[in-house]
Amino acid sequence: MSCESCPCKRTDCPRHGDCAACREHHHTSKRKLLTHCEKLEQKAQRKAERLARKSNQRGEA
């Protein structure tokens, strides 16, 4: 599987653009690292949760 819009900044990585190989490499390592895609997803999720909390606080005030 190939991903032409790979967000990873390590363009010299042999797995760059190959999502399946990247996930396999990261998830089978001893440190269980997240891929760059997964980090971006978590960041977006935290931001959405933070915005939801802010809007809830404004509604209560």
C-alpha atoms as a PDB file:
ATOM      1  CA  MET A   1       0.000   0.000   0.000  1.00  0.00           C
ATOM      2  CA  SER A   2       1.376   3.411  -0.907  1.00  0.00           C
ATOM      3  CA  CYS A   3       0.522   6.813   0.494  1.00  0.00           C
ATOM      4  CA  GLU A   4       1.564   9.734  -1.695  1.00  0.00           C
ATOM      5  CA  SER A   5       0.592  12.307   0.932  1.00  0.00           C
ATOM      6  CA  CYS A   6       2.594  10.751   3.781  1.00  0.00           C
ATOM      7  CA  PRO A   7       2.845  13.359   6.576  1.00  0.00           C
ATOM      8  CA  CYS A   8       6.069  11.933   8.000  1.00  0.00           C
ATOM      9  CA  LYS A   9       9.016  14.310   7.769  1.00  0.00           C
ATOM     10  CA  ARG A  10      11.529  11.455   7.455  1.00  0.00           C
ATOM     11  CA  THR A  11      11.501  11.330   3.668  1.00  0.00           C
ATOM     12  CA  ASP A  12      14.699   9.264   3.533  1.00  0.00           C
ATOM     13  CA  CYS A  13      13.068   6.408   5.504  1.00  0.00           C
ATOM     14  CA  PRO A  14      12.679   3.240   3.401  1.00  0.00           C
ATOM     15  CA  ARG A  15       9.086   2.935   4.689  1.00  0.00           C
ATOM     16  CA  HIS A  16       8.101   6.530   3.810  1.00  0.00           C
ATOM     17  CA  GLY A  17       4.781   6.408   1.964  1.00  0.00           C
ATOM     18  CA  ASP A  18       4.197   2.719   2.758  1.00  0.00           C
ATOM     19  CA  CYS A  19       1.646   2.887   5.577  1.00  0.00           C
ATOM     20  CA  ALA A  20       1.443  -0.866   6.207  1.00  0.00           C
ATOM     21  CA  ALA A  21       5.212  -1.282   6.499  1.00  0.00           C
ATOM     22  CA  CYS A  22       5.459   1.789   8.708  1.00  0.00           C
ATOM     23  CA  ARG A  23       2.750   0.567  11.102  1.00  0.00           C
ATOM     24  CA  GLU A  24       4.318  -2.891  11.256  1.00  0.00           C
ATOM     25  CA  HIS A  25       7.742  -1.426  12.028  1.00  0.00           C
ATOM     26  CA  HIS A  26       6.435   0.886  14.752  1.00  0.00           C
ATOM     27  CA  HIS A  27       4.057  -1.551  16.407  1.00  0.00           C
ATOM     28  CA  THR A  28       6.496  -4.475  16.535  1.00  0.00           C
ATOM     29  CA  SER A  29       9.350  -2.464  18.050  1.00  0.00           C
ATOM     30  CA  LYS A  30      10.122  -2.879  21.743  1.00  0.00           C
ATOM     31  CA  ARG A  31       9.084   0.705  22.481  1.00  0.00           C
ATOM     32  CA  LYS A  32       5.695   0.410  20.683  1.00  0.00           C
ATOM     33  CA  LEU A  33       6.044   3.797  19.021  1.00  0.00           C
ATOM     34  CA  LEU A  34       3.174   5.556  17.310  1.00  0.00           C
ATOM     35  CA  THR A  35       3.442   6.390  13.634  1.00  0.00           C
ATOM     36  CA  HIS A  36       3.374  10.042  12.611  1.00  0.00           C
ATOM     37  CA  CYS A  37      -0.159   9.542  11.268  1.00  0.00           C
ATOM     38  CA  GLU A  38      -1.300   8.175  14.629  1.00  0.00           C
ATOM     39  CA  LYS A  39       0.321  11.083  16.471  1.00  0.00           C
ATOM     40  CA  LEU A  40      -1.524  13.549  14.243  1.00  0.00           C
ATOM     41  CA  GLU A  41      -4.827  11.740  14.887  1.00  0.00           C
ATOM     42  CA  GLN A  42      -4.273  11.885  18.657  1.00  0.00           C
ATOM     43  CA  LYS A  43      -3.385  15.570  18.483  1.00  0.00           C
ATOM     44  CA  ALA A  44      -6.570  16.346  16.525  1.00  0.00           C
ATOM     45  CA  GLN A  45      -8.639  14.299  18.972  1.00  0.00           C
ATOM     46  CA  ARG A  46      -7.171  16.124  21.998  1.00  0.00           C
ATOM     47  CA  LYS A  47      -7.824  19.465  20.321  1.00  0.00           C
ATOM     48  CA  ALA A  48     -11.457  18.547  19.627  1.00  0.00           C
ATOM     49  CA  GLU A  49     -11.921  17.422  23.239  1.00  0.00           C
ATOM     50  CA  ARG A  50     -10.352  20.639  24.513  1.00  0.00           C
ATOM     51  CA  LEU A  51     -12.635  22.749  22.318  1.00  0.00           C
ATOM     52  CA  ALA A  52     -15.673  20.765  23.471  1.00  0.00           C
ATOM     53  CA  ARG A  53     -14.726  21.372  27.112  1.00  0.00           C
ATOM     54  CA  LYS A  54     -14.322  25.090  26.460  1.00  0.00           C
ATOM     55  CA  SER A  55     -17.717  25.366  24.760  1.00  0.00           C
ATOM     56  CA  ASN A  56     -19.330  23.430  27.628  1.00  0.00           C
ATOM     57  CA  GLN A  57     -17.766  25.770  30.178  1.00  0.00           C
ATOM     58  CA  ARG A  58     -19.034  28.822  28.282  1.00  0.00           C
ATOM     59  CA  GLY A  59     -22.531  27.348  28.186  1.00  0.00           C
ATOM     60  CA  GLU A  60     -22.550  26.824  31.952  1.00  0.00           C
ATOM     61  CA  ALA A  61     -21.324  30.332  32.783  1.00  0.00           C
END
